[in-house]
Each structure stands twice: as structure tokens, then as C-alpha cells.
C-alpha atoms as a PDB file:
ATOM      1  CA  MET A   1    -142.263   4.614  18.398  1.00  0.00           C
ATOM      2  CA  LYS A   2    -139.773   2.808  16.143  1.00  0.00           C
ATOM      3  CA  LYS A   3    -138.531   6.117  14.784  1.00  0.00           C
ATOM      4  CA  LEU A   4    -137.910   7.400  18.322  1.00  0.00           C
ATOM      5  CA  ILE A   5    -135.890   4.305  19.231  1.00  0.00           C
ATOM      6  CA  ILE A   6    -133.850   4.581  16.032  1.00  0.00           C
ATOM      7  CA  ILE A   7    -133.162   8.266  16.690  1.00  0.00           C
ATOM      8  CA  LEU A   8    -132.103   7.522  20.288  1.00  0.00           C
ATOM      9  CA  LEU A   9    -129.778   4.745  19.105  1.00  0.00           C
ATOM     10  CA  VAL A  10    -128.186   7.012  16.493  1.00  0.00           C
ATOM     11  CA  VAL A  11    -127.735   9.861  18.989  1.00  0.00           C
ATOM     12  CA  SER A  12    -126.251   7.572  21.643  1.00  0.00           C
ATOM     13  CA  SER A  13    -123.843   5.971  19.166  1.00  0.00           C
ATOM     14  CA  VAL A  14    -122.697   9.400  17.950  1.00  0.00           C
ATOM     15  CA  ALA A  15    -122.263  10.575  21.538  1.00  0.00           C
ATOM     16  CA  SER A  16    -120.236   7.489  22.462  1.00  0.00           C
ATOM     17  CA  CYS A  17    -117.971   7.973  19.427  1.00  0.00           C
ATOM     18  CA  ASN A  18    -117.180  11.525  20.514  1.00  0.00           C
ATOM     19  CA  GLN A  19    -116.267  10.573  24.100  1.00  0.00           C
ATOM     20  CA  ASP A  20    -112.528  10.549  23.318  1.00  0.00           C
ATOM     21  CA  LYS A  21    -112.741  13.881  21.506  1.00  0.00           C
ATOM     22  CA  ILE A  22    -110.914  16.694  23.287  1.00  0.00           C
ATOM     23  CA  PRO A  23    -112.776  20.015  23.280  1.00  0.00           C
ATOM     24  CA  GLU A  24    -111.188  23.247  22.112  1.00  0.00           C
ATOM     25  CA  GLY A  25    -109.156  25.040  24.777  1.00  0.00           C
ATOM     26  CA  ILE A  26    -107.973  21.761  26.322  1.00  0.00           C
ATOM     27  CA  VAL A  27    -104.446  20.413  25.920  1.00  0.00           C
ATOM     28  CA  GLY A  28    -104.408  17.494  23.464  1.00  0.00           C
ATOM     29  CA  LYS A  29    -103.609  13.935  24.509  1.00  0.00           C
ATOM     30  CA  LYS A  30    -100.048  13.798  23.176  1.00  0.00           C
ATOM     31  CA  LYS A  31     -99.036  17.184  24.577  1.00  0.00           C
ATOM     32  CA  MET A  32    -100.718  16.346  27.888  1.00  0.00           C
ATOM     33  CA  ALA A  33     -98.712  13.114  28.052  1.00  0.00           C
ATOM     34  CA  ASP A  34     -95.537  15.116  27.345  1.00  0.00           C
ATOM     35  CA  MET A  35     -96.428  17.534  30.122  1.00  0.00           C
ATOM     36  CA  ILE A  36     -97.102  14.710  32.572  1.00  0.00           C
ATOM     37  CA  VAL A  37     -93.637  13.305  31.796  1.00  0.00           C
ATOM     38  CA  ASP A  38     -92.104  16.740  32.375  1.00  0.00           C
ATOM     39  CA  ILE A  39     -94.039  17.149  35.632  1.00  0.00           C
ATOM     40  CA  HIS A  40     -92.796  13.813  36.931  1.00  0.00           C
ATOM     41  CA  LEU A  41     -89.226  14.820  36.059  1.00  0.00           C
ATOM     42  CA  ALA A  42     -89.782  18.209  37.738  1.00  0.00           C
ATOM     43  CA  ASP A  43     -91.102  16.439  40.837  1.00  0.00           C
ATOM     44  CA  ALA A  44     -87.944  14.355  40.923  1.00  0.00           C
ATOM     45  CA  ILE A  45     -85.842  17.525  40.821  1.00  0.00           C
ATOM     46  CA  GLY A  46     -88.029  19.108  43.498  1.00  0.00           C
ATOM     47  CA  SER A  47     -87.620  16.108  45.784  1.00  0.00           C
ATOM     48  CA  GLN A  48     -83.840  16.485  45.522  1.00  0.00           C
ATOM     49  CA  ARG A  49     -83.835  20.220  46.195  1.00  0.00           C
ATOM     50  CA  TYR A  50     -82.120  20.055  49.580  1.00  0.00           C
ATOM     51  CA  SER A  51     -79.347  17.803  48.340  1.00  0.00           C
ATOM     52  CA  LEU A  52     -78.908  20.165  45.384  1.00  0.00           C
ATOM     53  CA  GLY A  53     -78.753  23.171  47.703  1.00  0.00           C
ATOM     54  CA  LEU A  54     -82.013  24.653  46.382  1.00  0.00           C
ATOM     55  CA  VAL A  55     -84.013  25.643  49.453  1.00  0.00           C
ATOM     56  CA  ARG A  56     -86.419  28.176  47.934  1.00  0.00           C
ATOM     57  CA  ASP A  57     -90.023  27.541  48.931  1.00  0.00           C
ATOM     58  CA  SER A  58     -91.230  28.463  45.455  1.00  0.00           C
ATOM     59  CA  LEU A  59     -89.104  25.846  43.674  1.00  0.00           C
ATOM     60  CA  ASN A  60     -92.002  23.457  42.964  1.00  0.00           C
ATOM     61  CA  GLU A  61     -94.139  26.268  41.588  1.00  0.00           C
ATOM     62  CA  ASP A  62     -91.208  27.460  39.466  1.00  0.00           C
ATOM     63  CA  LEU A  63     -90.737  23.946  38.105  1.00  0.00           C
ATOM     64  CA  TYR A  64     -94.421  23.612  37.165  1.00  0.00           C
ATOM     65  CA  LEU A  65     -94.368  27.007  35.470  1.00  0.00           C
ATOM     66  CA  SER A  66     -91.260  25.968  33.547  1.00  0.00           C
ATOM     67  CA  VAL A  67     -93.098  22.854  32.336  1.00  0.00           C
ATOM     68  CA  CYS A  68     -95.891  25.073  31.010  1.00  0.00           C
ATOM     69  CA  LYS A  69     -93.405  27.422  29.406  1.00  0.00           C
ATOM     70  CA  LYS A  70     -91.444  24.562  27.800  1.00  0.00           C
ATOM     71  CA  ASN A  71     -94.626  23.168  26.275  1.00  0.00           C
ATOM     72  CA  SER A  72     -95.989  26.618  25.304  1.00  0.00           C
ATOM     73  CA  VAL A  73     -99.138  26.127  27.377  1.00  0.00           C
ATOM     74  CA  ASP A  74    -100.674  28.797  29.571  1.00  0.00           C
ATOM     75  CA  PRO A  75    -100.833  27.611  33.213  1.00  0.00           C
ATOM     76  CA  LEU A  76    -104.578  28.349  33.331  1.00  0.00           C
ATOM     77  CA  VAL A  77    -105.156  26.229  30.211  1.00  0.00           C
ATOM     78  CA  PHE A  78    -103.140  23.441  31.814  1.00  0.00           C
ATOM     79  CA  GLU A  79    -105.223  23.661  34.997  1.00  0.00           C
ATOM     80  CA  LYS A  80    -108.430  23.626  32.947  1.00  0.00           C
ATOM     81  CA  SER A  81    -107.108  20.598  31.061  1.00  0.00           C
ATOM     82  CA  LEU A  82    -106.355  18.777  34.306  1.00  0.00           C
ATOM     83  CA  HIS A  83    -109.953  19.350  35.410  1.00  0.00           C
ATOM     84  CA  PHE A  84    -111.246  18.064  32.070  1.00  0.00           C
ATOM     85  CA  TYR A  85    -109.116  14.909  32.200  1.00  0.00           C
ATOM     86  CA  GLY A  86    -110.085  14.413  35.846  1.00  0.00           C
ATOM     87  CA  ARG A  87    -113.758  14.354  34.814  1.00  0.00           C
ATOM     88  CA  HIS A  88    -112.979  11.877  31.998  1.00  0.00           C
ATOM     89  CA  PRO A  89    -110.907   9.119  33.607  1.00  0.00           C
ATOM     90  CA  GLU A  90    -111.210   6.823  30.580  1.00  0.00           C
ATOM     91  CA  ILE A  91    -109.312   9.395  28.488  1.00  0.00           C
ATOM     92  CA  TYR A  92    -106.959  10.366  31.301  1.00  0.00           C
ATOM     93  CA  THR A  93    -105.970   6.726  31.850  1.00  0.00           C
ATOM     94  CA  LYS A  94    -104.887   6.437  28.209  1.00  0.00           C
ATOM     95  CA  VAL A  95    -102.921   9.696  28.402  1.00  0.00           C
ATOM     96  CA  TYR A  96    -101.288   8.700  31.679  1.00  0.00           C
ATOM     97  CA  ASP A  97    -100.354   5.288  30.253  1.00  0.00           C
ATOM     98  CA  MET A  98     -98.618   7.047  27.334  1.00  0.00           C
ATOM     99  CA  ALA A  99     -96.693   9.185  29.829  1.00  0.00           C
ATOM    100  CA  MET A 100     -95.697   6.159  31.919  1.00  0.00           C
ATOM    101  CA  ASP A 101     -94.489   4.327  28.799  1.00  0.00           C
ATOM    102  CA  ARG A 102     -92.231   7.291  27.993  1.00  0.00           C
ATOM    103  CA  LEU A 103     -90.939   7.510  31.566  1.00  0.00           C
ATOM    104  CA  ASN A 104     -90.200   3.791  31.592  1.00  0.00           C
ATOM    105  CA  ALA A 105     -88.323   4.114  28.296  1.00  0.00           C
ATOM    106  CA  LEU A 106     -86.304   7.027  29.734  1.00  0.00           C
ATOM    107  CA  GLU A 107     -85.467   4.939  32.796  1.00  0.00           C
ATOM    108  CA  VAL A 108     -84.292   2.005  30.663  1.00  0.00           C
ATOM    109  CA  GLN A 109     -82.173   4.352  28.558  1.00  0.00           C
ATOM    110  CA  ALA A 110     -80.635   5.954  31.656  1.00  0.00           C
ATOM    111  CA  ARG A 111     -79.793   2.553  33.140  1.00  0.00           C
ATOM    112  CA  GLN A 112     -78.177   1.430  29.877  1.00  0.00           C
ATOM    113  CA  GLU A 113     -76.082   4.591  29.721  1.00  0.00           C
ATOM    114  CA  GLN A 114     -75.077   4.090  33.348  1.00  0.00           C
ATOM    115  CA  ASP A 115     -74.047   0.485  32.664  1.00  0.00           C
ATOM    116  CA  GLU A 116     -72.041   1.532  29.601  1.00  0.00           C
ATOM    117  CA  ALA A 117     -70.281   4.228  31.602  1.00  0.00           C
ATOM    118  CA  ARG A 118     -69.298   1.656  34.223  1.00  0.00           C
ATOM    119  CA  LYS A 119     -67.904  -0.694  31.561  1.00  0.00           C
ATOM    120  CA  GLN A 120     -65.688   1.937  29.931  1.00  0.00           C
ATOM    121  CA  PRO A 121     -62.205   2.305  31.377  1.00  0.00           C
ATOM    122  CA  ASP A 122     -61.616   5.372  33.446  1.00  0.00           C
ATOM    123  CA  ASP A 123     -59.842   7.973  31.291  1.00  0.00           C
ATOM    124  CA  VAL A 124     -58.145   9.525  34.318  1.00  0.00           C
ATOM    125  CA  ALA A 125     -56.629   6.230  35.478  1.00  0.00           C
ATOM    126  CA  SER A 126     -55.203   5.328  32.088  1.00  0.00           C
ATOM    127  CA  PRO A 127     -54.440   8.423  30.044  1.00  0.00           C
ATOM    128  CA  LYS A 128     -53.872   8.049  26.339  1.00  0.00           C
ATOM    129  CA  PRO A 129     -50.373   8.830  25.073  1.00  0.00           C
ATOM    130  CA  VAL A 130     -50.063  12.344  23.765  1.00  0.00           C
ATOM    131  CA  LYS A 131     -48.209  12.944  20.527  1.00  0.00           C
ATOM    132  CA  PRO A 132     -45.705  15.752  20.876  1.00  0.00           C
ATOM    133  CA  ALA A 133     -46.572  18.868  18.966  1.00  0.00           C
ATOM    134  CA  ARG A 134     -44.486  19.434  15.878  1.00  0.00           C
ATOM    135  CA  ASP A 135     -42.472  22.588  15.961  1.00  0.00           C
ATOM    136  CA  SER A 136     -39.940  24.069  13.557  1.00  0.00           C
ATOM    137  CA  SER A 137     -37.070  21.987  14.930  1.00  0.00           C
ATOM    138  CA  SER A 138     -38.844  18.721  14.160  1.00  0.00           C
ATOM    139  CA  VAL A 139     -39.746  19.499  10.551  1.00  0.00           C
ATOM    140  CA  LEU A 140     -36.486  18.292   9.011  1.00  0.00           C
ATOM    141  CA  PRO A 141     -35.594  14.647   9.550  1.00  0.00           C
ATOM    142  CA  ARG A 142     -32.389  14.084  11.422  1.00  0.00           C
ATOM    143  CA  GLU A 143     -30.405  11.113  12.419  1.00  0.00           C
ATOM    144  CA  ARG A 144     -30.839   9.969  15.953  1.00  0.00           C
ATOM    145  CA  PRO A 145     -28.295   7.908  17.763  1.00  0.00           C
ATOM    146  CA  GLU A 146     -29.404   4.435  18.723  1.00  0.00           C
ATOM    147  CA  ILE A 147     -29.862   3.835  22.393  1.00  0.00           C
ATOM    148  CA  GLU A 148     -28.681   0.517  23.679  1.00  0.00           C
END
């Protein structure tokens, strides 16, 4: 009886250690997080399609396929991976948190760049002086009359 309990404890501890292991044929955690970031960015583009003048019905599908292509993942493998992560919410939560951290960092970076752009003077309003090009007549120094 003691041997059976020990064996069950060993098997259950090994099984619990392998819970976070991703099986073969499933997109890994880091790549899945990257793809989730790309999908959120693609969704943002898709939501702006009318203001961008993109009225094709297949735009969202095209964007998702481009995410798969960018990450070198077959769309069927991605779909299979989504099903796997959906059945393992403890893993999916960690992956999704990584994706949200990256999206938040991108948002902070975009806001900082926007603030810096607002602080810089407008180049059109105050153009920099342009030095005249030197041509053959300006090579030799010459005396110039003083202007009073």
C-alpha cells in the first residue's frame, strides 16, 4: 500500500511539473505572445479600415494571415495552438500577460514619441538658413564693398 501511494505521489508531481510544457506542433509561449501582440495591432488597423479607405470585407482575414506569415506560422498550426492555450488557461494567462506587457510598453513609447514631436519646433514654420552653393565664381576671394 505504501509503495502505491509513493508511486502515485511521484507520478502526480511529475505530471504537475509538465503542465507548463508545450507539446510539439504548438506555437511556443514567446512566439504566441508575439503573435497576440501582432493580432491586437492588426485589429486596431482593421477597426480603422473605413477611415483609411479600406472597405474590403476580407481585410480582417488578410490581416490575420499576414500575422501568421510574419511569424512564419501556418494558420492551421496557429488555430491548433489557440485551441491548446484555450484548454490550458493557466498557461494562456501567462502568455497573454507577456503580450499585454509588450503592448503597454509600445503604447508608452508611442506617447513619448508623440510628446517629443509636439515639443520640437515646426520645421516648416521656422526654416533653417540655407548656405548658398559654391560655384566657380565664388572660389576666388574678392573684395566686397561695405554696405552702410
